[in-house]
């Protein structure tokens, strides 16, 4: 993996990554990379849910605080959060203070554990909805990137059926993009097709 510090500034990038240094680093070092482990998958799902209706830069800049207050996104710990924890989080200005999203994170942690109790790993479950790469052409430009797909709609429906919240088709597609389940780096981006410099 090539970090921003090693990447030439003239290197082409996805348009969305050019508006802030935080975005450049996230794009170059993280967006579209596979994630491993239940906590990592749960973190990405939770943060995408919190992003709903907001700019991703807000969530990205608050991520260290989110990690702290949500116990490193350990689903077992978050699943034990009660009303006192929700009330505590609603007073923490370091995160997005939205009761529905906070309660959804706790509820989703419990749903992750229910999946595991049924013998299903969260990451494997999410990955099972990834489109066939051959059927998902690389976008030529940012305008070609869809807000959602039939696969993200199917994933959303499957997650909701299992009790997950704040997992609409657009949120699910953003999750798929962020975790490498789809590769939406535009054709002129250095990261397209796994570019490493």
N, C-alpha and C. Protein backbone atom coordinates (compact mmCIF):
# COMPACT_ATOMS: atom_id res chain seq x y z
N UNK A 1 0.85 -1.18 0.00
CA UNK A 1 0.00 0.00 0.00
C UNK A 1 0.89 1.23 0.00
N UNK A 2 0.57 2.19 -0.83
CA UNK A 2 1.31 3.45 -0.91
C UNK A 2 0.51 4.51 -0.19
N UNK A 3 1.13 5.17 0.77
CA UNK A 3 0.42 6.21 1.51
C UNK A 3 0.51 7.53 0.76
N UNK A 4 -0.28 8.50 1.21
CA UNK A 4 -0.28 9.81 0.58
C UNK A 4 1.12 10.40 0.59
N UNK A 5 1.87 10.19 1.66
CA UNK A 5 3.20 10.77 1.77
C UNK A 5 4.12 10.26 0.67
N UNK A 6 3.88 9.04 0.19
CA UNK A 6 4.72 8.47 -0.84
C UNK A 6 4.16 8.71 -2.26
N UNK A 7 2.91 9.15 -2.33
CA UNK A 7 2.25 9.27 -3.63
C UNK A 7 2.50 10.65 -4.23
N UNK A 8 2.91 10.72 -5.48
CA UNK A 8 3.11 12.02 -6.13
C UNK A 8 1.80 12.80 -6.18
N UNK A 9 1.87 14.10 -5.97
CA UNK A 9 0.67 14.93 -5.96
C UNK A 9 0.00 14.98 -7.33
N UNK A 10 0.75 14.74 -8.40
CA UNK A 10 0.13 14.79 -9.72
C UNK A 10 -0.67 13.54 -10.05
N UNK A 11 -0.60 12.56 -9.20
CA UNK A 11 -1.33 11.31 -9.41
C UNK A 11 -2.83 11.57 -9.47
N UNK A 12 -3.50 10.95 -10.42
CA UNK A 12 -4.94 11.11 -10.54
C UNK A 12 -5.68 10.42 -9.41
N UNK A 13 -6.76 11.02 -8.98
CA UNK A 13 -7.57 10.46 -7.90
C UNK A 13 -9.05 10.65 -8.23
N UNK A 14 -9.87 9.89 -7.54
CA UNK A 14 -11.32 10.09 -7.62
C UNK A 14 -11.62 11.52 -7.20
N UNK A 15 -12.52 12.17 -7.91
CA UNK A 15 -12.82 13.59 -7.69
C UNK A 15 -13.19 13.91 -6.24
N UNK A 16 -13.98 13.04 -5.59
CA UNK A 16 -14.44 13.32 -4.24
C UNK A 16 -13.27 13.43 -3.26
N UNK A 17 -12.13 12.84 -3.59
CA UNK A 17 -11.00 12.80 -2.67
C UNK A 17 -10.16 14.07 -2.69
N UNK A 18 -10.49 15.01 -3.55
CA UNK A 18 -9.61 16.17 -3.75
C UNK A 18 -9.96 17.39 -2.91
N UNK A 19 -11.05 17.35 -2.17
CA UNK A 19 -11.51 18.57 -1.49
C UNK A 19 -10.88 18.82 -0.12
N UNK A 20 -10.21 17.83 0.46
CA UNK A 20 -9.61 18.02 1.79
C UNK A 20 -8.50 17.01 1.99
N UNK A 21 -7.45 17.39 2.72
CA UNK A 21 -6.36 16.44 2.99
C UNK A 21 -6.85 15.16 3.67
N UNK A 22 -7.87 15.27 4.54
CA UNK A 22 -8.42 14.09 5.20
C UNK A 22 -8.94 13.09 4.17
N UNK A 23 -9.60 13.63 3.13
CA UNK A 23 -10.15 12.78 2.08
C UNK A 23 -9.03 12.12 1.27
N UNK A 24 -7.97 12.87 0.99
CA UNK A 24 -6.87 12.31 0.20
C UNK A 24 -6.29 11.10 0.94
N UNK A 25 -6.01 11.27 2.21
CA UNK A 25 -5.43 10.17 3.00
C UNK A 25 -6.39 8.99 3.08
N UNK A 26 -7.68 9.26 3.32
CA UNK A 26 -8.68 8.19 3.40
C UNK A 26 -8.78 7.46 2.06
N UNK A 27 -8.84 8.21 0.98
CA UNK A 27 -8.92 7.62 -0.35
C UNK A 27 -7.70 6.75 -0.65
N UNK A 28 -6.52 7.29 -0.42
CA UNK A 28 -5.29 6.59 -0.80
C UNK A 28 -5.00 5.37 0.05
N UNK A 29 -5.31 5.45 1.33
CA UNK A 29 -4.88 4.41 2.26
C UNK A 29 -5.97 3.49 2.77
N UNK A 30 -7.24 3.83 2.50
CA UNK A 30 -8.30 3.06 3.15
C UNK A 30 -9.50 2.73 2.27
N UNK A 31 -10.04 3.71 1.55
CA UNK A 31 -11.29 3.51 0.83
C UNK A 31 -11.11 2.45 -0.25
N UNK A 32 -11.96 1.45 -0.20
CA UNK A 32 -11.89 0.38 -1.18
C UNK A 32 -11.00 -0.77 -0.80
N UNK A 33 -10.32 -0.65 0.34
CA UNK A 33 -9.49 -1.76 0.83
C UNK A 33 -10.36 -2.75 1.58
N UNK A 34 -10.09 -4.03 1.44
CA UNK A 34 -10.84 -5.02 2.23
C UNK A 34 -10.62 -4.81 3.72
N UNK A 35 -11.63 -5.10 4.50
CA UNK A 35 -11.50 -5.04 5.96
C UNK A 35 -11.60 -6.47 6.50
N UNK A 36 -11.06 -6.64 7.69
CA UNK A 36 -11.02 -7.98 8.29
C UNK A 36 -11.42 -7.89 9.76
N UNK A 37 -12.24 -8.81 10.16
CA UNK A 37 -12.66 -8.87 11.56
C UNK A 37 -14.02 -8.23 11.76
N UNK A 38 -14.77 -8.80 12.67
CA UNK A 38 -16.13 -8.35 12.92
C UNK A 38 -16.17 -6.89 13.38
N UNK A 39 -15.26 -6.50 14.27
CA UNK A 39 -15.26 -5.12 14.76
C UNK A 39 -15.04 -4.14 13.62
N UNK A 40 -14.16 -4.47 12.68
CA UNK A 40 -13.90 -3.57 11.55
C UNK A 40 -15.13 -3.45 10.66
N UNK A 41 -15.79 -4.56 10.39
CA UNK A 41 -17.02 -4.51 9.59
C UNK A 41 -18.11 -3.73 10.32
N UNK A 42 -18.25 -3.97 11.62
CA UNK A 42 -19.27 -3.28 12.41
C UNK A 42 -18.98 -1.78 12.46
N UNK A 43 -17.71 -1.42 12.59
CA UNK A 43 -17.35 0.00 12.58
C UNK A 43 -17.78 0.66 11.28
N UNK A 44 -17.42 0.05 10.17
CA UNK A 44 -17.76 0.65 8.87
C UNK A 44 -19.27 0.77 8.71
N UNK A 45 -20.00 -0.27 9.07
CA UNK A 45 -21.46 -0.22 8.97
C UNK A 45 -22.03 0.90 9.84
N UNK A 46 -21.53 1.00 11.06
CA UNK A 46 -22.03 2.02 12.00
C UNK A 46 -21.73 3.42 11.50
N UNK A 47 -20.50 3.65 11.06
CA UNK A 47 -20.13 4.98 10.60
C UNK A 47 -20.89 5.38 9.33
N UNK A 48 -21.12 4.42 8.43
CA UNK A 48 -21.91 4.74 7.24
C UNK A 48 -23.34 5.11 7.65
N UNK A 49 -23.88 4.45 8.66
CA UNK A 49 -25.20 4.80 9.15
C UNK A 49 -25.24 6.19 9.76
N UNK A 50 -24.20 6.53 10.53
CA UNK A 50 -24.13 7.87 11.11
C UNK A 50 -23.97 8.93 10.03
N UNK A 51 -23.35 8.58 8.92
CA UNK A 51 -23.12 9.54 7.84
C UNK A 51 -24.41 9.92 7.14
N UNK A 52 -25.42 9.08 7.21
CA UNK A 52 -26.67 9.33 6.50
C UNK A 52 -27.16 10.76 6.72
N UNK A 53 -27.27 11.52 5.63
CA UNK A 53 -27.72 12.90 5.69
C UNK A 53 -26.62 13.90 5.99
N UNK A 54 -25.40 13.44 6.17
CA UNK A 54 -24.28 14.32 6.49
C UNK A 54 -23.16 14.12 5.48
N UNK A 55 -22.17 14.97 5.55
CA UNK A 55 -20.97 14.81 4.73
C UNK A 55 -20.06 13.79 5.39
N UNK A 56 -19.42 12.94 4.59
CA UNK A 56 -18.52 11.93 5.13
C UNK A 56 -17.36 12.56 5.90
N UNK A 57 -16.94 13.77 5.52
CA UNK A 57 -15.81 14.40 6.21
C UNK A 57 -16.13 14.62 7.68
N UNK A 58 -17.39 14.89 8.00
CA UNK A 58 -17.80 15.06 9.41
C UNK A 58 -17.52 13.78 10.18
N UNK A 59 -17.93 12.66 9.61
CA UNK A 59 -17.74 11.37 10.27
C UNK A 59 -16.26 11.02 10.35
N UNK A 60 -15.55 11.24 9.28
CA UNK A 60 -14.13 10.92 9.24
C UNK A 60 -13.37 11.66 10.33
N UNK A 61 -13.67 12.92 10.51
CA UNK A 61 -12.98 13.73 11.52
C UNK A 61 -13.39 13.37 12.94
N UNK A 62 -14.57 12.81 13.10
CA UNK A 62 -15.04 12.40 14.42
C UNK A 62 -14.74 10.92 14.71
N UNK A 63 -14.16 10.22 13.76
CA UNK A 63 -13.97 8.78 13.91
C UNK A 63 -13.18 8.39 15.16
N UNK A 64 -12.11 9.08 15.53
CA UNK A 64 -11.42 8.68 16.76
C UNK A 64 -12.34 8.70 17.99
N UNK A 65 -13.19 9.72 18.08
CA UNK A 65 -14.13 9.78 19.20
C UNK A 65 -15.17 8.68 19.11
N UNK A 66 -15.68 8.41 17.90
CA UNK A 66 -16.62 7.30 17.72
C UNK A 66 -15.99 6.00 18.21
N UNK A 67 -14.75 5.76 17.84
CA UNK A 67 -14.07 4.52 18.25
C UNK A 67 -13.98 4.43 19.77
N UNK A 68 -13.71 5.56 20.40
CA UNK A 68 -13.59 5.57 21.86
C UNK A 68 -14.93 5.30 22.53
N UNK A 69 -15.95 6.06 22.16
CA UNK A 69 -17.23 5.95 22.87
C UNK A 69 -18.00 4.69 22.53
N UNK A 70 -17.72 4.09 21.38
CA UNK A 70 -18.36 2.83 21.02
C UNK A 70 -17.45 1.63 21.26
N UNK A 71 -16.60 1.74 22.27
CA UNK A 71 -15.79 0.61 22.76
C UNK A 71 -15.03 -0.10 21.66
N UNK A 72 -14.41 0.68 20.76
CA UNK A 72 -13.65 0.09 19.67
C UNK A 72 -14.51 -0.70 18.70
N UNK A 73 -15.80 -0.43 18.73
CA UNK A 73 -16.78 -1.12 17.88
C UNK A 73 -16.78 -2.63 18.12
N UNK A 74 -16.53 -3.01 19.35
CA UNK A 74 -16.67 -4.42 19.74
C UNK A 74 -18.17 -4.68 19.90
N UNK A 75 -18.77 -5.47 19.02
CA UNK A 75 -20.22 -5.67 19.09
C UNK A 75 -20.70 -6.22 20.42
N UNK A 76 -19.91 -7.08 21.05
CA UNK A 76 -20.33 -7.64 22.34
C UNK A 76 -20.46 -6.55 23.40
N UNK A 77 -19.55 -5.60 23.40
CA UNK A 77 -19.60 -4.51 24.38
C UNK A 77 -20.71 -3.53 24.03
N UNK A 78 -20.83 -3.16 22.77
CA UNK A 78 -21.86 -2.20 22.37
C UNK A 78 -23.26 -2.79 22.58
N UNK A 79 -23.42 -4.07 22.37
CA UNK A 79 -24.72 -4.72 22.56
C UNK A 79 -25.21 -4.61 24.00
N UNK A 80 -24.30 -4.41 24.94
CA UNK A 80 -24.68 -4.28 26.35
C UNK A 80 -25.01 -2.84 26.74
N UNK A 81 -24.87 -1.90 25.82
CA UNK A 81 -25.21 -0.50 26.13
C UNK A 81 -26.68 -0.41 26.48
N UNK A 82 -26.97 0.36 27.51
CA UNK A 82 -28.35 0.59 27.92
C UNK A 82 -28.72 2.05 27.77
N UNK A 83 -29.85 2.43 28.36
CA UNK A 83 -30.34 3.80 28.23
C UNK A 83 -29.37 4.82 28.82
N UNK A 84 -28.67 4.46 29.90
CA UNK A 84 -27.67 5.38 30.47
C UNK A 84 -26.55 5.66 29.47
N UNK A 85 -26.15 4.63 28.74
CA UNK A 85 -25.11 4.80 27.73
C UNK A 85 -25.61 5.69 26.59
N UNK A 86 -26.85 5.48 26.17
CA UNK A 86 -27.43 6.31 25.11
C UNK A 86 -27.47 7.75 25.58
N UNK A 87 -27.91 7.98 26.81
CA UNK A 87 -27.98 9.34 27.35
C UNK A 87 -26.59 9.97 27.41
N UNK A 88 -25.59 9.19 27.80
CA UNK A 88 -24.20 9.67 27.84
C UNK A 88 -23.73 10.08 26.45
N UNK A 89 -24.02 9.26 25.46
CA UNK A 89 -23.58 9.54 24.10
C UNK A 89 -24.28 10.77 23.52
N UNK A 90 -25.53 10.99 23.94
CA UNK A 90 -26.27 12.15 23.46
C UNK A 90 -25.69 13.47 23.96
N UNK A 91 -24.85 13.41 25.00
CA UNK A 91 -24.23 14.64 25.52
C UNK A 91 -22.79 14.81 25.05
N UNK A 92 -22.28 13.86 24.25
CA UNK A 92 -20.88 13.91 23.81
C UNK A 92 -20.76 14.63 22.48
N UNK A 93 -20.30 15.87 22.52
CA UNK A 93 -20.22 16.70 21.31
C UNK A 93 -19.16 16.22 20.34
N UNK A 94 -18.34 15.26 20.74
CA UNK A 94 -17.30 14.76 19.84
C UNK A 94 -17.85 13.85 18.76
N UNK A 95 -19.08 13.38 18.91
CA UNK A 95 -19.70 12.50 17.93
C UNK A 95 -20.97 13.16 17.40
N UNK A 96 -21.64 12.49 16.47
CA UNK A 96 -22.94 12.96 15.98
C UNK A 96 -23.97 12.53 17.01
N UNK A 97 -24.66 13.52 17.58
CA UNK A 97 -25.60 13.24 18.67
C UNK A 97 -27.03 13.11 18.12
N UNK A 98 -27.31 11.95 17.61
CA UNK A 98 -28.62 11.67 17.03
C UNK A 98 -29.14 10.40 17.70
N UNK A 99 -30.20 10.54 18.46
CA UNK A 99 -30.71 9.41 19.24
C UNK A 99 -31.01 8.19 18.37
N UNK A 100 -31.66 8.40 17.24
CA UNK A 100 -32.02 7.26 16.39
C UNK A 100 -30.78 6.52 15.90
N UNK A 101 -29.75 7.25 15.54
CA UNK A 101 -28.52 6.62 15.04
C UNK A 101 -27.77 5.93 16.16
N UNK A 102 -27.74 6.52 17.33
CA UNK A 102 -27.07 5.89 18.48
C UNK A 102 -27.80 4.60 18.85
N UNK A 103 -29.13 4.68 18.94
CA UNK A 103 -29.91 3.48 19.28
C UNK A 103 -29.77 2.42 18.19
N UNK A 104 -29.67 2.84 16.93
CA UNK A 104 -29.47 1.88 15.84
C UNK A 104 -28.13 1.17 15.99
N UNK A 105 -27.09 1.89 16.39
CA UNK A 105 -25.77 1.27 16.57
C UNK A 105 -25.84 0.17 17.63
N UNK A 106 -26.55 0.45 18.73
CA UNK A 106 -26.69 -0.55 19.79
C UNK A 106 -27.52 -1.74 19.29
N UNK A 107 -28.62 -1.44 18.65
CA UNK A 107 -29.47 -2.49 18.09
C UNK A 107 -28.71 -3.32 17.06
N UNK A 108 -27.93 -2.67 16.22
CA UNK A 108 -27.16 -3.38 15.19
C UNK A 108 -26.09 -4.27 15.81
N UNK A 109 -25.50 -3.83 16.91
CA UNK A 109 -24.52 -4.69 17.60
C UNK A 109 -25.20 -5.98 18.05
N UNK A 110 -26.40 -5.85 18.55
CA UNK A 110 -27.15 -7.05 18.99
C UNK A 110 -27.47 -7.94 17.78
N UNK A 111 -27.80 -7.32 16.65
CA UNK A 111 -28.09 -8.09 15.44
C UNK A 111 -26.83 -8.81 14.93
N UNK A 112 -25.67 -8.17 15.08
CA UNK A 112 -24.40 -8.82 14.70
C UNK A 112 -24.21 -10.09 15.54
N UNK A 113 -24.48 -9.99 16.84
CA UNK A 113 -24.33 -11.15 17.72
C UNK A 113 -25.34 -12.24 17.38
N UNK A 114 -26.54 -11.85 17.00
CA UNK A 114 -27.54 -12.85 16.60
C UNK A 114 -27.10 -13.57 15.33
N UNK A 115 -26.51 -12.83 14.39
CA UNK A 115 -25.95 -13.46 13.19
C UNK A 115 -24.89 -14.49 13.58
N UNK A 116 -24.00 -14.07 14.48
CA UNK A 116 -22.92 -14.97 14.91
C UNK A 116 -23.48 -16.20 15.61
N UNK A 117 -24.51 -16.00 16.44
CA UNK A 117 -25.13 -17.14 17.13
C UNK A 117 -25.74 -18.13 16.13
N UNK A 118 -26.16 -17.61 14.97
CA UNK A 118 -26.73 -18.46 13.92
C UNK A 118 -25.64 -19.05 13.02
N UNK A 119 -24.37 -18.78 13.38
CA UNK A 119 -23.25 -19.35 12.62
C UNK A 119 -22.83 -18.53 11.41
N UNK A 120 -23.24 -17.26 11.37
CA UNK A 120 -22.93 -16.41 10.22
C UNK A 120 -22.02 -15.27 10.64
N UNK A 121 -20.89 -15.14 9.97
CA UNK A 121 -19.95 -14.05 10.20
C UNK A 121 -20.45 -12.79 9.47
N UNK A 122 -20.40 -11.64 10.14
CA UNK A 122 -20.89 -10.41 9.54
C UNK A 122 -20.20 -10.11 8.22
N UNK A 123 -18.88 -10.18 8.18
CA UNK A 123 -18.14 -9.88 6.96
C UNK A 123 -18.51 -10.81 5.82
N UNK A 124 -18.63 -12.09 6.10
CA UNK A 124 -19.02 -13.05 5.07
C UNK A 124 -20.44 -12.78 4.58
N UNK A 125 -21.32 -12.42 5.51
CA UNK A 125 -22.70 -12.11 5.13
C UNK A 125 -22.73 -10.91 4.18
N UNK A 126 -22.03 -9.84 4.54
CA UNK A 126 -22.00 -8.64 3.69
C UNK A 126 -21.37 -8.94 2.34
N UNK A 127 -20.27 -9.68 2.36
CA UNK A 127 -19.55 -9.98 1.12
C UNK A 127 -20.38 -10.86 0.19
N UNK A 128 -21.31 -11.62 0.73
CA UNK A 128 -22.12 -12.50 -0.12
C UNK A 128 -23.04 -11.70 -1.05
N UNK A 129 -23.19 -10.40 -0.80
CA UNK A 129 -24.02 -9.55 -1.66
C UNK A 129 -23.19 -8.72 -2.64
N UNK A 130 -21.90 -8.90 -2.63
CA UNK A 130 -21.05 -8.14 -3.56
C UNK A 130 -21.35 -8.56 -5.00
N UNK A 131 -21.37 -7.60 -5.91
CA UNK A 131 -21.62 -7.96 -7.31
C UNK A 131 -20.42 -8.67 -7.92
N UNK A 132 -20.68 -9.42 -8.95
CA UNK A 132 -19.61 -10.03 -9.74
C UNK A 132 -18.79 -8.90 -10.35
N UNK A 133 -17.49 -8.84 -10.10
CA UNK A 133 -16.68 -7.75 -10.67
C UNK A 133 -16.81 -7.63 -12.18
N UNK A 134 -16.99 -8.74 -12.87
CA UNK A 134 -17.12 -8.70 -14.32
C UNK A 134 -18.42 -8.00 -14.76
N UNK A 135 -19.41 -8.02 -13.88
CA UNK A 135 -20.70 -7.40 -14.20
C UNK A 135 -20.79 -5.97 -13.64
N UNK A 136 -19.72 -5.51 -13.02
CA UNK A 136 -19.70 -4.17 -12.42
C UNK A 136 -18.56 -3.38 -13.06
N UNK A 137 -18.82 -2.76 -14.20
CA UNK A 137 -17.73 -2.06 -14.91
C UNK A 137 -17.19 -0.88 -14.10
N UNK A 138 -15.89 -0.63 -14.28
CA UNK A 138 -15.27 0.50 -13.62
C UNK A 138 -15.89 1.80 -14.14
N UNK A 139 -16.24 2.73 -13.25
CA UNK A 139 -16.76 4.00 -13.72
C UNK A 139 -15.68 4.81 -14.44
N UNK A 140 -16.05 5.40 -15.56
CA UNK A 140 -15.10 6.22 -16.31
C UNK A 140 -14.87 7.55 -15.60
N UNK A 141 -15.94 8.05 -14.97
CA UNK A 141 -15.85 9.33 -14.26
C UNK A 141 -16.81 9.28 -13.08
N UNK A 142 -16.70 10.25 -12.20
CA UNK A 142 -17.47 10.24 -10.96
C UNK A 142 -18.98 10.22 -11.22
N UNK A 143 -19.41 10.84 -12.32
CA UNK A 143 -20.84 10.87 -12.64
C UNK A 143 -21.39 9.48 -12.97
N UNK A 144 -20.51 8.53 -13.25
CA UNK A 144 -20.93 7.17 -13.58
C UNK A 144 -21.11 6.28 -12.35
N UNK A 145 -20.76 6.80 -11.19
CA UNK A 145 -20.88 6.00 -9.96
C UNK A 145 -22.32 6.09 -9.48
N UNK A 146 -23.00 4.95 -9.34
CA UNK A 146 -24.40 4.98 -8.92
C UNK A 146 -24.53 5.22 -7.41
N UNK A 147 -25.66 5.76 -6.97
CA UNK A 147 -25.87 5.92 -5.52
C UNK A 147 -26.22 4.60 -4.84
N UNK A 148 -26.75 3.67 -5.61
CA UNK A 148 -27.10 2.35 -5.08
C UNK A 148 -27.19 1.40 -6.28
N UNK A 149 -27.28 0.11 -5.98
CA UNK A 149 -27.36 -0.91 -7.02
C UNK A 149 -28.37 -1.97 -6.61
N UNK A 150 -28.75 -2.86 -7.50
CA UNK A 150 -29.63 -3.95 -7.09
C UNK A 150 -29.01 -4.78 -5.96
N UNK A 151 -27.69 -4.94 -5.98
CA UNK A 151 -27.03 -5.71 -4.91
C UNK A 151 -27.13 -5.00 -3.57
N UNK A 152 -26.95 -3.66 -3.58
CA UNK A 152 -27.04 -2.95 -2.30
C UNK A 152 -28.48 -2.92 -1.79
N UNK A 153 -29.44 -2.90 -2.71
CA UNK A 153 -30.84 -2.97 -2.31
C UNK A 153 -31.16 -4.33 -1.70
N UNK A 154 -30.61 -5.38 -2.30
CA UNK A 154 -30.83 -6.73 -1.75
C UNK A 154 -30.16 -6.87 -0.38
N UNK A 155 -28.97 -6.31 -0.24
CA UNK A 155 -28.28 -6.35 1.05
C UNK A 155 -29.07 -5.59 2.10
N UNK A 156 -29.56 -4.41 1.74
CA UNK A 156 -30.37 -3.62 2.65
C UNK A 156 -31.59 -4.40 3.14
N UNK A 157 -32.26 -5.02 2.22
CA UNK A 157 -33.46 -5.81 2.57
C UNK A 157 -33.10 -6.96 3.50
N UNK A 158 -32.00 -7.64 3.19
CA UNK A 158 -31.58 -8.78 4.02
C UNK A 158 -31.17 -8.34 5.42
N UNK A 159 -30.48 -7.21 5.52
CA UNK A 159 -30.06 -6.70 6.83
C UNK A 159 -31.27 -6.27 7.65
N UNK A 160 -32.20 -5.57 7.03
CA UNK A 160 -33.40 -5.13 7.75
C UNK A 160 -34.21 -6.32 8.25
N UNK A 161 -34.25 -7.36 7.45
CA UNK A 161 -34.98 -8.58 7.85
C UNK A 161 -34.37 -9.19 9.11
N UNK A 162 -33.07 -8.96 9.30
CA UNK A 162 -32.36 -9.49 10.46
C UNK A 162 -32.26 -8.48 11.60
N UNK A 163 -33.01 -7.38 11.49
CA UNK A 163 -33.10 -6.43 12.59
C UNK A 163 -32.14 -5.26 12.54
N UNK A 164 -31.37 -5.12 11.48
CA UNK A 164 -30.45 -3.98 11.37
C UNK A 164 -31.22 -2.72 10.99
N UNK A 165 -30.70 -1.57 11.43
CA UNK A 165 -31.32 -0.28 11.15
C UNK A 165 -30.30 0.67 10.54
N UNK A 166 -30.78 1.71 9.86
CA UNK A 166 -29.95 2.69 9.15
C UNK A 166 -29.05 1.97 8.13
N UNK A 167 -29.67 1.09 7.39
CA UNK A 167 -28.96 0.31 6.37
C UNK A 167 -29.75 0.33 5.06
N UNK A 168 -30.09 1.53 4.60
CA UNK A 168 -30.79 1.65 3.34
C UNK A 168 -29.88 1.30 2.17
N UNK A 169 -30.42 1.20 0.97
CA UNK A 169 -29.62 0.81 -0.20
C UNK A 169 -28.42 1.72 -0.47
N UNK A 170 -28.59 3.04 -0.26
CA UNK A 170 -27.48 3.96 -0.49
C UNK A 170 -26.40 3.77 0.56
N UNK A 171 -26.81 3.63 1.81
CA UNK A 171 -25.84 3.38 2.89
C UNK A 171 -25.12 2.06 2.66
N UNK A 172 -25.86 1.04 2.24
CA UNK A 172 -25.23 -0.26 1.97
C UNK A 172 -24.25 -0.16 0.81
N UNK A 173 -24.58 0.65 -0.19
CA UNK A 173 -23.65 0.78 -1.31
C UNK A 173 -22.38 1.50 -0.88
N UNK A 174 -22.53 2.54 -0.07
CA UNK A 174 -21.35 3.24 0.45
C UNK A 174 -20.49 2.28 1.27
N UNK A 175 -21.12 1.41 2.04
CA UNK A 175 -20.39 0.40 2.80
C UNK A 175 -19.65 -0.55 1.87
N UNK A 176 -20.30 -0.97 0.81
CA UNK A 176 -19.66 -1.88 -0.16
C UNK A 176 -18.46 -1.20 -0.82
N UNK A 177 -18.59 0.07 -1.15
CA UNK A 177 -17.48 0.81 -1.75
C UNK A 177 -16.32 0.95 -0.77
N UNK A 178 -16.64 1.35 0.44
CA UNK A 178 -15.60 1.63 1.44
C UNK A 178 -14.79 0.39 1.82
N UNK A 179 -15.43 -0.77 1.74
CA UNK A 179 -14.78 -2.00 2.18
C UNK A 179 -14.27 -2.87 1.04
N UNK A 180 -14.30 -2.34 -0.17
CA UNK A 180 -13.75 -3.07 -1.30
C UNK A 180 -14.65 -4.15 -1.87
N UNK A 181 -15.91 -4.19 -1.45
CA UNK A 181 -16.83 -5.18 -2.03
C UNK A 181 -17.18 -4.79 -3.46
N UNK A 182 -17.06 -3.51 -3.76
CA UNK A 182 -17.11 -3.02 -5.14
C UNK A 182 -15.92 -2.08 -5.31
N UNK A 183 -15.42 -1.98 -6.52
CA UNK A 183 -14.28 -1.10 -6.79
C UNK A 183 -14.78 0.05 -7.67
N UNK A 184 -15.05 1.18 -7.03
CA UNK A 184 -15.55 2.34 -7.76
C UNK A 184 -14.51 3.43 -7.92
N UNK A 185 -13.23 3.08 -7.84
CA UNK A 185 -12.21 4.06 -8.20
C UNK A 185 -12.38 4.32 -9.69
N UNK A 186 -12.49 5.60 -10.06
CA UNK A 186 -12.72 5.95 -11.46
C UNK A 186 -11.51 5.58 -12.31
N UNK A 187 -11.71 5.48 -13.60
CA UNK A 187 -10.69 4.96 -14.51
C UNK A 187 -9.37 5.72 -14.45
N UNK A 188 -9.41 7.01 -14.21
CA UNK A 188 -8.17 7.81 -14.18
C UNK A 188 -7.53 7.88 -12.79
N UNK A 189 -8.10 7.17 -11.82
CA UNK A 189 -7.54 7.16 -10.46
C UNK A 189 -6.39 6.17 -10.38
N UNK A 190 -5.33 6.56 -9.67
CA UNK A 190 -4.17 5.67 -9.54
C UNK A 190 -4.52 4.39 -8.79
N UNK A 191 -5.57 4.40 -7.99
CA UNK A 191 -5.96 3.21 -7.24
C UNK A 191 -6.81 2.26 -8.09
N UNK A 192 -7.20 2.67 -9.28
CA UNK A 192 -8.03 1.81 -10.13
C UNK A 192 -7.31 0.49 -10.37
N UNK A 193 -8.06 -0.57 -10.24
CA UNK A 193 -7.53 -1.92 -10.45
C UNK A 193 -6.35 -2.21 -9.53
N UNK A 194 -6.45 -1.71 -8.30
CA UNK A 194 -5.44 -2.06 -7.29
C UNK A 194 -4.13 -1.33 -7.45
N UNK A 195 -4.13 -0.16 -8.06
CA UNK A 195 -2.89 0.59 -8.27
C UNK A 195 -2.10 0.75 -6.98
N UNK A 196 -0.83 0.53 -7.05
CA UNK A 196 0.02 0.64 -5.86
C UNK A 196 1.17 1.62 -6.08
N UNK A 197 1.04 2.44 -7.06
CA UNK A 197 2.07 3.44 -7.27
C UNK A 197 2.82 3.22 -8.52
